């Protein structure tokens, strides 16, 4: 980027700090930040440089801050003042802030693009719901967080692959096949009652939702009575189980893809757990780990508290997970030689490594939190890096009451239901208004309210207002004079009001926000930034209603008007850039 005021300030703060502390450690320098002060009255920017450097410098942080404040004023910093326990508040020359607007207007929505990732290949795996039914709102949060994080990492310069892991092996998929088989027998007109059928199902009939009725009808149309026993009774599972399972999983995946498309989620890679296992991936990774001395045969100590499913009081094949950060070693094979779920998951992550993922990021539900350490240990042992983002549950509220969800009974609110109720943009934005690991309530009424309390409305309204100003400006001054390229060259010296400068400061923070959010794996920071930016813009708009001198368009004051139109155009650019990361559409006008 040609000009980034906050990066420039940080460079100058670091230069002054290194002059004051010649042996400044690199890890201390990395912690130096330049951000907006907590209160606008304190200046245009603030730095923690003296606070983080005081201990290694063996100096009082307030004294070091005073020394930095004396050294910082220059052509960018007009005034610097030590504050609090060791902060330094900075007031900038207005021209230093003004210089940011042409950069935004020339860059367009690529403003904020970063080289932070340096093209590092990153695999972001998210959703990965069991293909046992339509997507519900429990899947929605992980889908939105994962998709927005992937977009954020792309903007920050990483080479991102978006992936879905199909959990199509194991007991749940078998249970789904039995449920679909019941619907198939119903389509044939079986004499069996549901209770009679359920009594024959290993583990009982688990999935009773109506969404399988169409699957059963399609199976009957394709196979006739070939999969059934005499007179529509239950045939031996080896006659039908594989066929019904594959057909049903394919049907569920087709519906999941449609739901994801409605949500604006498009993943490039879909990897099947069963296909990997059948290709020998699990056996291969166990052999590799045995060769590397990462596994051994042994007996685990009995666990304290709740007993996990994979514990046995007999010799098992164990991974030396404790050597790689886990709190105990973990089974890969049971005493009967069958693989654990963990072994299959290791094989999957080994496959990602083989495909070139230098960094893997998995988005999981919070109920998988206890699984994080062992999975990270396995990936670390294989020479990779895994970050995990946990998403807490979402409680959907409608008419003041919680909407209950149960995939197996079929009485739950689907993702499609929610999108049809409030719209894709409201779903995506709302899901990013809390940190992923914090529980949240999704209030259906609030998501469609046209008030400041509805963040998606508040941000989209800011963009719509900006676009209305730009359309009017084009009518008055002509499209050529109000194009972004032309506005990048207008004089900006008349932008002196505190509200105008505050808006520029916020716009200037966008590149740092992108990098910080990407490094922290926290896409919700983008939603927070946009809400604050919208607030600054709406405040300036409202001041223009109260004070004619601050109105954006004044035909008799061309220079001032074009400067303000440039500020409005830059605001619209940054709002669009932020919404693009979130996967939310900017709107031209509110209806």
Protein backbone atom coordinates (compact mmCIF):
# COMPACT_ATOMS: atom_id res chain seq x y z
CA UNK A 1 0.00 0.00 0.00
CA UNK A 2 1.39 3.40 -0.98
CA UNK A 3 0.17 5.22 2.12
CA UNK A 4 -1.14 3.86 5.41
CA UNK A 5 -1.13 6.43 8.17
CA UNK A 6 -1.24 3.93 11.04
CA UNK A 7 1.60 1.83 9.60
CA UNK A 8 3.59 5.02 9.06
CA UNK A 9 2.95 6.09 12.65
CA UNK A 10 4.01 2.70 13.96
CA UNK A 11 7.27 2.88 12.00
CA UNK A 12 8.03 6.29 13.47
CA UNK A 13 7.11 5.22 16.98
CA UNK A 14 9.41 2.20 16.64
CA UNK A 15 12.22 4.39 15.35
CA UNK A 16 11.87 6.71 18.35
CA UNK A 17 11.64 3.74 20.71
CA UNK A 18 14.78 2.11 19.31
CA UNK A 19 16.62 5.40 19.68
CA UNK A 20 15.58 5.49 23.34
CA UNK A 21 16.12 1.74 23.90
CA UNK A 22 18.98 0.67 21.58
CA UNK A 23 18.82 -3.04 22.50
CA UNK A 24 15.04 -3.36 22.06
CA UNK A 25 14.19 -7.09 21.68
CA UNK A 26 12.32 -8.02 18.51
CA UNK A 27 9.51 -9.72 20.44
CA UNK A 28 8.91 -6.49 22.37
CA UNK A 29 8.90 -4.43 19.17
CA UNK A 30 6.28 -6.82 17.75
CA UNK A 31 3.91 -5.90 20.61
CA UNK A 32 4.01 -2.17 19.89
CA UNK A 33 0.62 -0.95 18.68
CA UNK A 34 -0.74 2.32 17.33
CA UNK A 35 -4.51 2.52 17.59
CA UNK A 36 -7.34 4.96 18.10
CA UNK A 37 -7.41 6.38 21.65
CA UNK A 38 -10.29 5.35 23.87
CA UNK A 39 -11.64 8.89 23.80
CA UNK A 40 -11.50 11.22 20.80
CA UNK A 41 -10.49 14.10 23.07
CA UNK A 42 -7.17 12.36 23.68
CA UNK A 43 -6.00 12.77 20.09
CA UNK A 44 -5.89 11.00 16.76
CA UNK A 45 -3.88 7.95 17.80
CA UNK A 46 -2.28 6.34 20.83
CA UNK A 47 0.62 3.95 21.33
CA UNK A 48 1.53 1.45 24.04
CA UNK A 49 5.22 1.54 23.11
CA UNK A 50 6.50 2.79 26.48
CA UNK A 51 4.38 0.28 28.39
CA UNK A 52 5.66 -2.79 26.53
CA UNK A 53 9.29 -1.60 26.41
CA UNK A 54 9.65 -0.31 29.99
CA UNK A 55 10.58 -3.64 31.60
CA UNK A 56 13.33 -4.70 29.14
CA UNK A 57 14.59 -1.09 29.11
CA UNK A 58 14.56 -1.02 32.94
CA UNK A 59 12.88 2.33 32.88
CA UNK A 60 9.76 3.78 34.44
CA UNK A 61 7.03 3.51 31.75
CA UNK A 62 5.82 7.06 32.36
CA UNK A 63 9.35 8.44 32.03
CA UNK A 64 9.89 6.47 28.81
CA UNK A 65 6.55 7.75 27.48
CA UNK A 66 7.63 11.33 28.21
CA UNK A 67 10.87 10.78 26.30
CA UNK A 68 8.99 9.31 23.34
CA UNK A 69 6.49 12.18 23.35
CA UNK A 70 9.36 14.67 23.08
CA UNK A 71 10.92 12.81 20.15
CA UNK A 72 7.84 12.11 18.02
CA UNK A 73 6.57 15.47 16.63
CA UNK A 74 7.43 15.82 12.92
CA UNK A 75 5.67 16.39 9.61
CA UNK A 76 3.06 13.74 10.52
CA UNK A 77 2.74 14.08 14.30
CA UNK A 78 1.76 17.58 15.37
CA UNK A 79 1.77 16.91 19.12
CA UNK A 80 2.61 13.98 21.40
CA UNK A 81 1.77 13.70 25.08
CA UNK A 82 2.48 11.09 27.75
CA UNK A 83 -0.72 9.87 29.39
CA UNK A 84 -1.82 7.49 32.11
CA UNK A 85 0.65 4.83 33.22
CA UNK A 86 2.69 5.04 30.03
CA UNK A 87 0.61 5.61 26.92
CA UNK A 88 1.52 8.27 24.39
CA UNK A 89 -1.33 10.18 22.74
CA UNK A 90 -0.69 11.60 19.28
CA UNK A 91 -2.30 14.48 17.44
CA UNK A 92 -1.64 14.49 13.73
CA UNK A 93 -1.36 17.23 11.18
CA UNK A 94 -4.64 17.26 9.25
CA UNK A 95 -2.69 16.86 6.01
CA UNK A 96 -1.39 13.48 7.25
CA UNK A 97 -4.97 12.26 7.64
CA UNK A 98 -6.12 13.81 4.37
CA UNK A 99 -3.42 11.87 2.50
CA UNK A 100 -5.24 8.63 3.30
CA UNK A 101 -8.33 9.44 1.21
CA UNK A 102 -6.66 9.45 -2.23
CA UNK A 103 -5.07 6.09 -1.38
CA UNK A 104 -8.49 4.63 -0.60
CA UNK A 105 -10.09 6.04 -3.72
CA UNK A 106 -7.29 4.83 -5.99
CA UNK A 107 -7.24 1.35 -4.45
CA UNK A 108 -11.00 0.85 -4.40
CA UNK A 109 -12.16 -2.30 -2.66
CA UNK A 110 -8.60 -3.67 -2.73
CA UNK A 111 -7.82 -1.05 -0.05
CA UNK A 112 -6.80 -3.05 2.99
CA UNK A 113 -5.36 -5.94 0.97
CA UNK A 114 -2.29 -7.15 2.82
CA UNK A 115 0.85 -9.14 2.15
CA UNK A 116 0.75 -10.47 5.72
CA UNK A 117 0.06 -14.04 4.56
CA UNK A 118 2.82 -13.96 1.92
CA UNK A 119 0.88 -16.51 -0.15
CA UNK A 120 1.03 -19.19 2.58
CA UNK A 121 -1.33 -22.07 1.64
CA UNK A 122 -4.12 -22.29 4.24
CA UNK A 123 -6.87 -24.88 4.34
CA UNK A 124 -10.01 -23.66 6.10
CA UNK A 125 -12.41 -26.52 6.84
CA UNK A 126 -15.86 -25.59 8.06
CA UNK A 127 -19.46 -26.76 8.34
CA UNK A 128 -18.55 -30.47 7.88
CA UNK A 129 -21.97 -31.44 9.23
CA UNK A 130 -22.91 -35.10 9.21
CA UNK A 131 -24.91 -35.62 6.00
CA UNK A 132 -27.92 -36.89 7.94
CA UNK A 133 -30.43 -34.13 7.19
CA UNK A 134 -30.94 -30.52 6.12
CA UNK A 135 -28.71 -27.86 7.64
CA UNK A 136 -30.09 -26.19 10.74
CA UNK A 137 -29.08 -22.98 12.48
CA UNK A 138 -26.66 -24.93 14.64
CA UNK A 139 -24.56 -25.43 11.51
CA UNK A 140 -25.13 -21.88 10.32
CA UNK A 141 -22.76 -20.11 12.69
CA UNK A 142 -19.80 -22.31 11.83
CA UNK A 143 -20.58 -21.91 8.14
CA UNK A 144 -20.62 -18.12 8.34
CA UNK A 145 -17.59 -17.86 10.65
CA UNK A 146 -15.59 -20.23 8.48
CA UNK A 147 -16.53 -18.52 5.23
CA UNK A 148 -15.85 -15.03 6.55
CA UNK A 149 -12.53 -16.16 8.05
CA UNK A 150 -11.52 -17.67 4.72
CA UNK A 151 -12.41 -14.40 2.95
CA UNK A 152 -10.51 -12.44 5.59
CA UNK A 153 -7.39 -14.57 5.20
CA UNK A 154 -7.54 -14.14 1.42
CA UNK A 155 -7.64 -10.36 1.87
CA UNK A 156 -4.69 -10.64 4.24
CA UNK A 157 -2.60 -12.34 1.57
CA UNK A 158 -2.99 -16.06 2.31
CA UNK A 159 -3.68 -18.65 -0.42
CA UNK A 160 -6.91 -20.12 0.92
CA UNK A 161 -8.71 -23.37 0.16
CA UNK A 162 -12.27 -23.70 1.47
CA UNK A 163 -13.13 -27.28 2.38
CA UNK A 164 -16.00 -29.44 3.66
CA UNK A 165 -15.25 -32.78 5.33
CA UNK A 166 -18.03 -35.27 4.70
CA UNK A 167 -18.53 -37.41 7.80
CA UNK A 168 -20.01 -40.32 5.84
CA UNK A 169 -18.51 -43.19 7.81
CA UNK A 170 -19.64 -44.67 11.08
CA UNK A 171 -22.80 -45.49 12.98
CA UNK A 172 -24.74 -42.28 12.26
CA UNK A 173 -24.72 -42.84 8.51
CA UNK A 174 -25.84 -46.43 9.03
CA UNK A 175 -28.68 -45.15 11.24
CA UNK A 176 -29.62 -42.70 8.47
CA UNK A 177 -29.71 -45.55 5.94
CA UNK A 178 -32.12 -47.49 8.13
CA UNK A 179 -34.36 -44.41 8.41
CA UNK A 180 -34.33 -43.92 4.64
CA UNK A 181 -35.04 -47.61 4.16
CA UNK A 182 -38.17 -47.21 6.31
CA UNK A 183 -39.36 -44.41 4.03
CA UNK A 184 -38.60 -46.65 1.04
CA UNK A 185 -40.74 -49.45 2.49
CA UNK A 186 -43.50 -46.92 3.17
CA UNK A 187 -43.35 -45.83 -0.47
CA UNK A 188 -43.84 -49.49 -1.46
CA UNK A 189 -46.86 -49.78 0.84
CA UNK A 190 -45.28 -52.03 3.48
CA UNK A 191 -47.64 -53.73 5.96
CA UNK A 192 -45.16 -52.99 8.77
CA UNK A 193 -45.97 -50.32 11.33
CA UNK A 194 -43.30 -47.82 12.28
CA UNK A 195 -43.05 -49.45 15.71
CA UNK A 196 -42.58 -52.91 14.18
CA UNK A 197 -39.85 -51.58 11.89
CA UNK A 198 -38.12 -49.64 14.68
CA UNK A 199 -37.96 -52.79 16.79
CA UNK A 200 -35.79 -54.39 14.10
CA UNK A 201 -33.37 -51.45 13.76
CA UNK A 202 -30.05 -51.72 15.64
CA UNK A 203 -30.17 -48.87 18.13
CA UNK A 204 -33.73 -47.96 17.21
CA UNK A 205 -35.11 -45.68 14.50
CA UNK A 206 -33.12 -42.48 15.07
CA UNK A 207 -34.06 -40.19 12.17
CA UNK A 208 -37.81 -39.71 11.81
CA UNK A 209 -37.96 -36.38 9.95
CA UNK A 210 -40.22 -35.97 6.94
CA UNK A 211 -37.24 -34.84 4.86
CA UNK A 212 -36.54 -38.55 4.18
CA UNK A 213 -39.96 -39.19 2.61
CA UNK A 214 -38.78 -37.92 -0.79
CA UNK A 215 -35.63 -40.03 -0.52
CA UNK A 216 -37.70 -43.14 0.12
CA UNK A 217 -39.95 -42.36 -2.84
CA UNK A 218 -36.92 -41.84 -5.10
CA UNK A 219 -35.45 -45.18 -3.98
CA UNK A 220 -38.75 -46.93 -4.75
CA UNK A 221 -38.89 -45.32 -8.18
CA UNK A 222 -35.32 -46.33 -9.00
CA UNK A 223 -35.22 -49.86 -7.51
CA UNK A 224 -38.86 -50.94 -7.32
CA UNK A 225 -39.21 -53.73 -4.77
CA UNK A 226 -35.69 -55.12 -5.37
CA UNK A 227 -34.38 -53.87 -2.03
CA UNK A 228 -37.31 -55.15 0.05
CA UNK A 229 -38.16 -58.53 1.47
CA UNK A 230 -41.35 -60.44 0.55
CA UNK A 231 -44.46 -58.25 0.48
CA UNK A 232 -42.58 -55.11 1.49
CA UNK A 233 -40.89 -56.51 4.59
CA UNK A 234 -37.32 -55.95 5.70
CA UNK A 235 -34.67 -57.63 3.55
CA UNK A 236 -31.28 -58.69 4.89
CA UNK A 237 -29.10 -55.56 5.27
CA UNK A 238 -26.45 -56.89 2.88
CA UNK A 239 -29.11 -56.68 0.14
CA UNK A 240 -29.80 -52.99 0.53
CA UNK A 241 -27.66 -51.21 3.15
CA UNK A 242 -24.82 -50.05 0.92
CA UNK A 243 -27.14 -48.92 -1.88
CA UNK A 244 -29.50 -47.04 0.43
CA UNK A 245 -26.66 -45.47 2.39
CA UNK A 246 -24.88 -44.15 -0.71
CA UNK A 247 -28.08 -42.88 -2.30
CA UNK A 248 -29.25 -41.18 0.89
CA UNK A 249 -25.91 -39.55 1.66
CA UNK A 250 -25.77 -38.21 -1.91
CA UNK A 251 -29.29 -36.80 -1.56
CA UNK A 252 -28.48 -35.18 1.80
CA UNK A 253 -25.28 -33.67 0.39
CA UNK A 254 -27.15 -32.24 -2.57
CA UNK A 255 -29.54 -30.52 -0.14
CA UNK A 256 -26.66 -29.30 2.01
CA UNK A 257 -24.95 -27.78 -1.02
CA UNK A 258 -28.19 -26.01 -1.94
CA UNK A 259 -28.51 -24.65 1.61
CA UNK A 260 -24.89 -23.46 1.60
CA UNK A 261 -25.44 -21.78 -1.75
CA UNK A 262 -28.43 -19.93 -0.28
CA UNK A 263 -26.12 -18.76 2.50
CA UNK A 264 -23.51 -17.63 -0.01
CA UNK A 265 -21.03 -20.35 1.01
CA UNK A 266 -19.13 -21.97 -1.85
CA UNK A 267 -16.42 -24.49 -0.93
CA UNK A 268 -13.96 -25.76 -3.52
CA UNK A 269 -13.20 -29.13 -1.94
CA UNK A 270 -15.49 -31.82 -0.49
CA UNK A 271 -13.56 -34.71 1.06
CA UNK A 272 -15.26 -38.00 2.00
CA UNK A 273 -14.22 -39.71 5.24
CA UNK A 274 -15.39 -43.07 3.89
CA UNK A 275 -13.50 -42.64 0.61
CA UNK A 276 -10.29 -41.89 2.49
CA UNK A 277 -10.73 -44.94 4.72
CA UNK A 278 -11.53 -47.20 1.76
CA UNK A 279 -8.44 -45.91 -0.05
CA UNK A 280 -6.33 -47.07 2.89
CA UNK A 281 -5.50 -43.60 4.20
CA UNK A 282 -6.00 -44.55 7.85
CA UNK A 283 -3.84 -47.67 7.60
CA UNK A 284 -1.20 -45.66 5.74
CA UNK A 285 -0.95 -42.90 8.34
CA UNK A 286 -0.79 -45.44 11.18
CA UNK A 287 2.04 -47.20 9.36
CA UNK A 288 3.81 -43.87 8.83
CA UNK A 289 3.47 -42.94 12.50
CA UNK A 290 4.67 -46.38 13.61
CA UNK A 291 7.73 -45.99 11.39
CA UNK A 292 8.44 -42.58 12.94
CA UNK A 293 8.16 -43.96 16.46
CA UNK A 294 5.01 -41.95 17.20
CA UNK A 295 2.86 -44.90 18.26
CA UNK A 296 3.24 -47.95 20.51
CA UNK A 297 1.16 -50.77 21.98
CA UNK A 298 0.12 -50.16 25.57
CA UNK A 299 -2.65 -49.85 28.13
CA UNK A 300 -3.91 -46.42 29.15
CA UNK A 301 -4.57 -45.52 32.75
CA UNK A 302 -8.31 -45.51 33.50
CA UNK A 303 -9.59 -41.96 33.01
CA UNK A 304 -10.84 -39.81 35.85
CA UNK A 305 -14.48 -38.75 35.66
CA UNK A 306 -16.47 -39.54 32.54
CA UNK A 307 -15.12 -42.55 30.66
CA UNK A 308 -14.48 -41.86 26.95
CA UNK A 309 -15.74 -44.31 24.34
CA UNK A 310 -12.24 -45.15 23.08
CA UNK A 311 -10.83 -46.28 26.47
CA UNK A 312 -10.21 -49.98 26.99
CA UNK A 313 -8.50 -51.77 29.89
CA UNK A 314 -6.56 -53.84 27.32
CA UNK A 315 -3.54 -53.22 25.06
CA UNK A 316 -4.25 -50.82 22.22
CA UNK A 317 -2.31 -49.00 19.55
CA UNK A 318 -1.55 -45.63 21.16
CA UNK A 319 -0.29 -42.31 19.78
CA UNK A 320 2.32 -40.52 21.89
CA UNK A 321 0.07 -37.44 22.09
CA UNK A 322 1.46 -36.30 25.45
CA UNK A 323 4.83 -35.62 23.78
CA UNK A 324 3.10 -33.07 21.52
CA UNK A 325 1.07 -31.09 24.01
CA UNK A 326 -1.91 -33.30 24.86
CA UNK A 327 -2.61 -34.35 28.43
CA UNK A 328 -2.39 -38.11 27.70
CA UNK A 329 -1.64 -40.56 24.92
CA UNK A 330 -4.54 -41.50 22.65
CA UNK A 331 -5.81 -44.73 21.04
CA UNK A 332 -5.59 -45.14 17.28
CA UNK A 333 -6.66 -48.78 17.12
CA UNK A 334 -8.81 -50.77 19.50
CA UNK A 335 -7.84 -54.15 20.84
CA UNK A 336 -9.84 -55.80 18.02
CA UNK A 337 -7.73 -53.98 15.41
CA UNK A 338 -10.45 -51.54 14.26
CA UNK A 339 -9.52 -47.86 13.94
CA UNK A 340 -10.82 -45.15 16.22
CA UNK A 341 -12.52 -42.00 14.95
CA UNK A 342 -9.35 -40.16 15.96
CA UNK A 343 -7.26 -42.30 13.59
CA UNK A 344 -9.58 -41.43 10.69
CA UNK A 345 -9.30 -37.75 11.56
CA UNK A 346 -5.50 -37.97 11.61
CA UNK A 347 -5.60 -39.58 8.16
CA UNK A 348 -7.77 -36.72 6.93
CA UNK A 349 -5.41 -34.05 8.23
CA UNK A 350 -2.44 -35.97 6.82
CA UNK A 351 -4.22 -35.83 3.47
CA UNK A 352 -4.51 -32.05 3.80
CA UNK A 353 -0.79 -31.88 4.50
CA UNK A 354 -0.11 -34.02 1.44
CA UNK A 355 -2.14 -31.57 -0.63
CA UNK A 356 0.11 -28.72 0.51
CA UNK A 357 -1.72 -27.07 3.42
CA UNK A 358 1.02 -25.27 5.36
CA UNK A 359 -1.61 -24.15 7.87
CA UNK A 360 -4.92 -25.84 8.65
CA UNK A 361 -7.80 -24.06 10.35
CA UNK A 362 -10.82 -26.09 11.46
CA UNK A 363 -14.11 -24.54 12.55
CA UNK A 364 -15.78 -26.79 15.12
CA UNK A 365 -18.75 -26.66 17.44
CA UNK A 366 -17.90 -25.84 21.04
CA UNK A 367 -18.96 -29.35 22.07
CA UNK A 368 -15.77 -30.60 20.39
CA UNK A 369 -13.54 -28.47 22.61
CA UNK A 370 -12.14 -31.50 24.42
CA UNK A 371 -10.90 -32.87 21.09
CA UNK A 372 -8.73 -29.88 20.18
CA UNK A 373 -5.52 -30.72 22.06
CA UNK A 374 -5.26 -34.27 20.72
CA UNK A 375 -5.91 -33.21 17.13
CA UNK A 376 -3.36 -30.42 17.33
CA UNK A 377 -0.88 -32.85 18.85
CA UNK A 378 -1.35 -35.27 15.95
CA UNK A 379 -0.94 -32.58 13.31
CA UNK A 380 2.13 -31.24 15.11
CA UNK A 381 3.62 -34.75 15.17
CA UNK A 382 3.09 -34.99 11.41
CA UNK A 383 4.91 -31.69 10.86
CA UNK A 384 1.89 -29.45 10.31
CA UNK A 385 0.08 -26.66 12.12
CA UNK A 386 -3.58 -26.74 13.09
CA UNK A 387 -5.61 -23.87 14.53
CA UNK A 388 -9.13 -24.56 15.76
CA UNK A 389 -11.91 -21.99 16.08
CA UNK A 390 -14.75 -23.10 18.34
CA UNK A 391 -18.28 -21.85 17.73
CA UNK A 392 -20.77 -21.74 20.56
CA UNK A 393 -24.41 -22.63 20.14
CA UNK A 394 -26.93 -20.15 18.71
CA UNK A 395 -30.32 -19.77 20.37
CA UNK A 396 -32.92 -18.63 17.84
CA UNK A 397 -35.66 -16.51 19.37
CA UNK A 398 -39.01 -15.93 17.70
CA UNK A 399 -41.93 -14.05 19.24
CA UNK A 400 -39.98 -13.94 22.49
CA UNK A 401 -39.67 -17.73 22.67
CA UNK A 402 -36.74 -20.01 21.86
CA UNK A 403 -37.08 -22.20 18.78
CA UNK A 404 -36.13 -25.75 19.68
CA UNK A 405 -34.13 -27.91 17.31
CA UNK A 406 -33.91 -31.68 16.94
CA UNK A 407 -32.64 -33.13 13.70
CA UNK A 408 -33.66 -36.67 14.57
CA UNK A 409 -37.31 -35.87 15.23
CA UNK A 410 -37.43 -33.44 12.35
CA UNK A 411 -38.89 -30.61 14.46
CA UNK A 412 -36.29 -27.89 14.14
CA UNK A 413 -35.70 -24.64 12.30
CA UNK A 414 -33.62 -25.20 9.21
CA UNK A 415 -31.07 -22.83 7.77
CA UNK A 416 -33.37 -22.45 4.77
CA UNK A 417 -36.23 -21.44 7.09
CA UNK A 418 -34.07 -18.76 8.70
CA UNK A 419 -32.84 -17.34 5.39
CA UNK A 420 -36.38 -17.18 4.03
CA UNK A 421 -37.50 -15.41 7.21
CA UNK A 422 -34.84 -12.68 7.47
CA UNK A 423 -32.66 -12.85 4.34
CA UNK A 424 -29.12 -14.08 3.72
CA UNK A 425 -27.39 -10.80 4.57
CA UNK A 426 -29.08 -10.55 7.96
CA UNK A 427 -28.18 -14.14 8.78
CA UNK A 428 -24.52 -13.72 7.84
CA UNK A 429 -23.99 -10.33 9.49
CA UNK A 430 -25.81 -11.28 12.69
CA UNK A 431 -23.79 -14.47 13.09
CA UNK A 432 -20.64 -12.31 13.11
CA UNK A 433 -21.78 -9.84 15.76
CA UNK A 434 -20.36 -11.96 18.58
CA UNK A 435 -17.03 -13.65 19.06
CA UNK A 436 -17.37 -17.24 17.82
CA UNK A 437 -16.81 -18.84 21.22
CA UNK A 438 -19.47 -16.69 22.92
CA UNK A 439 -23.06 -17.91 23.07
CA UNK A 440 -25.54 -15.77 21.20
CA UNK A 441 -29.23 -15.27 20.67
CA UNK A 442 -30.49 -14.71 17.13
CA UNK A 443 -33.57 -12.54 17.46
CA UNK A 444 -35.62 -12.95 14.29
CA UNK A 445 -37.51 -9.68 14.84
CA UNK A 446 -34.33 -7.68 15.47
CA UNK A 447 -32.67 -9.11 12.35
CA UNK A 448 -35.29 -7.40 10.14
CA UNK A 449 -35.75 -4.23 12.22
CA UNK A 450 -34.76 -0.93 10.59
CA UNK A 451 -33.07 0.50 13.66
CA UNK A 452 -29.59 1.19 14.96
CA UNK A 453 -29.94 -1.91 17.14
CA UNK A 454 -29.85 -4.03 13.98
CA UNK A 455 -26.19 -3.95 12.87
CA UNK A 456 -26.75 -5.16 9.31
CA UNK A 457 -29.39 -2.48 8.69
CA UNK A 458 -27.21 0.19 10.31
CA UNK A 459 -24.19 -0.64 8.12
CA UNK A 460 -26.13 -1.14 4.90
CA UNK A 461 -27.98 2.12 5.56
CA UNK A 462 -24.64 3.91 5.79
CA UNK A 463 -23.67 2.56 2.37
CA UNK A 464 -27.08 3.45 0.91
CA UNK A 465 -26.80 7.00 2.28
CA UNK A 466 -23.31 7.36 0.83
CA UNK A 467 -24.47 6.14 -2.54
CA UNK A 468 -27.40 8.56 -2.53
CA UNK A 469 -24.96 11.45 -1.93
CA UNK A 470 -22.76 10.25 -4.77
CA UNK A 471 -25.71 9.98 -7.17
CA UNK A 472 -26.83 13.51 -6.32
CA UNK A 473 -23.26 14.78 -6.68
CA UNK A 474 -23.04 13.20 -10.12
CA UNK A 475 -26.26 14.97 -11.10
CA UNK A 476 -24.88 18.33 -9.95
CA UNK A 477 -21.23 18.13 -11.01
CA UNK A 478 -21.25 15.37 -13.61
CA UNK A 479 -20.20 11.75 -13.45
CA UNK A 480 -16.62 12.48 -14.50
CA UNK A 481 -15.94 14.93 -11.67
CA UNK A 482 -17.43 12.61 -9.05
CA UNK A 483 -15.79 9.37 -10.16
CA UNK A 484 -13.40 7.92 -7.58
CA UNK A 485 -10.37 8.53 -9.82
CA UNK A 486 -11.25 12.22 -10.15
CA UNK A 487 -12.06 12.61 -6.44
CA UNK A 488 -8.63 11.18 -5.59
CA UNK A 489 -7.15 14.39 -6.98
CA UNK A 490 -9.32 17.02 -5.27
CA UNK A 491 -7.98 19.37 -2.59
CA UNK A 492 -8.92 18.17 0.90
CA UNK A 493 -7.74 21.05 3.05
CA UNK A 494 -11.29 22.10 3.90
CA UNK A 495 -11.93 18.84 5.79
CA UNK A 496 -11.20 20.24 9.24
CA UNK A 497 -14.26 19.53 11.36
CA UNK A 498 -13.61 16.98 14.15
CA UNK A 499 -16.37 14.71 12.85
CA UNK A 500 -14.80 14.68 9.38
CA UNK A 501 -11.35 13.92 10.78
CA UNK A 502 -12.80 11.21 13.03
CA UNK A 503 -14.31 9.50 9.99
CA UNK A 504 -10.96 9.62 8.16
CA UNK A 505 -9.21 8.14 11.19
CA UNK A 506 -11.67 5.25 11.18
CA UNK A 507 -11.15 4.64 7.44
CA UNK A 508 -7.40 4.64 7.98
CA UNK A 509 -7.72 1.82 10.52
CA UNK A 510 -9.15 -0.62 7.96
CA UNK A 511 -5.83 -2.18 6.83
CA UNK A 512 -4.71 -2.74 10.44
CA UNK A 513 -8.12 -4.19 11.27
CA UNK A 514 -7.82 -6.71 8.44
CA UNK A 515 -4.39 -7.86 9.59
CA UNK A 516 -5.25 -8.01 13.29
CA UNK A 517 -8.49 -9.92 12.64
CA UNK A 518 -6.70 -12.38 10.34
CA UNK A 519 -3.90 -12.99 12.84
CA UNK A 520 -6.40 -13.55 15.66
CA UNK A 521 -8.72 -15.69 13.46
CA UNK A 522 -11.58 -13.41 14.52
CA UNK A 523 -13.81 -12.30 11.63
CA UNK A 524 -16.27 -10.74 14.09
CA UNK A 525 -13.82 -7.83 14.33
CA UNK A 526 -14.86 -6.85 10.81
CA UNK A 527 -18.50 -6.55 11.89
CA UNK A 528 -17.47 -4.42 14.87
CA UNK A 529 -15.33 -2.18 12.66
CA UNK A 530 -18.13 -1.66 10.14
CA UNK A 531 -20.63 -0.83 12.87
CA UNK A 532 -18.26 1.81 14.29
CA UNK A 533 -17.55 3.17 10.82
CA UNK A 534 -21.27 3.40 10.10
CA UNK A 535 -21.72 5.23 13.40
CA UNK A 536 -19.08 7.81 12.47
CA UNK A 537 -20.68 8.34 9.06
CA UNK A 538 -24.24 8.64 10.40
CA UNK A 539 -23.00 11.14 13.00
CA UNK A 540 -21.48 13.31 10.29
CA UNK A 541 -24.67 13.02 8.23
CA UNK A 542 -26.79 14.12 11.18
CA UNK A 543 -24.48 17.07 11.90
CA UNK A 544 -25.13 18.24 8.36
CA UNK A 545 -28.87 18.23 9.07
CA UNK A 546 -28.30 20.49 12.08
CA UNK A 547 -25.53 22.68 10.64
CA UNK A 548 -25.90 23.79 7.02
CA UNK A 549 -22.15 24.44 6.79
CA UNK A 550 -21.49 20.70 7.19
CA UNK A 551 -23.88 19.48 4.51
CA UNK A 552 -22.23 17.26 1.96
CA UNK A 553 -23.59 19.01 -1.14
CA UNK A 554 -23.42 22.79 -1.50
CA UNK A 555 -23.50 23.80 -5.17
CA UNK A 556 -22.14 27.29 -4.43
CA UNK A 557 -19.08 25.90 -2.55
CA UNK A 558 -17.57 23.58 -5.09
CA UNK A 559 -14.18 22.92 -3.46
CA UNK A 560 -15.68 22.10 -0.06
CA UNK A 561 -18.36 19.95 -1.63
CA UNK A 562 -15.94 17.89 -3.72
CA UNK A 563 -13.73 17.33 -0.68
CA UNK A 564 -16.71 16.02 1.27
CA UNK A 565 -17.87 13.92 -1.68
CA UNK A 566 -14.38 12.38 -1.74
CA UNK A 567 -14.79 11.52 1.95
CA UNK A 568 -18.21 9.99 1.28
CA UNK A 569 -16.88 7.99 -1.67
CA UNK A 570 -13.99 6.65 0.45
CA UNK A 571 -16.46 5.64 3.15
CA UNK A 572 -18.54 3.71 0.62
CA UNK A 573 -15.41 1.95 -0.65
CA UNK A 574 -14.42 0.75 2.82
CA UNK A 575 -17.94 -0.36 3.73
CA UNK A 576 -18.06 -2.43 0.52
CA UNK A 577 -14.64 -3.92 1.22
CA UNK A 578 -15.72 -4.91 4.73
CA UNK A 579 -19.04 -6.36 3.61
CA UNK A 580 -17.22 -8.38 0.93
CA UNK A 581 -15.16 -10.05 3.66
CA UNK A 582 -18.36 -10.87 5.54
CA UNK A 583 -20.11 -12.13 2.41
CA UNK A 584 -22.82 -9.48 2.72
CA UNK A 585 -24.14 -7.44 -0.21
CA UNK A 586 -23.93 -3.64 -0.08
CA UNK A 587 -27.23 -1.98 -0.96
CA UNK A 588 -27.70 1.05 -3.18
CA UNK A 589 -30.86 2.23 -1.45
CA UNK A 590 -33.01 1.12 1.45
CA UNK A 591 -36.55 -0.03 0.85
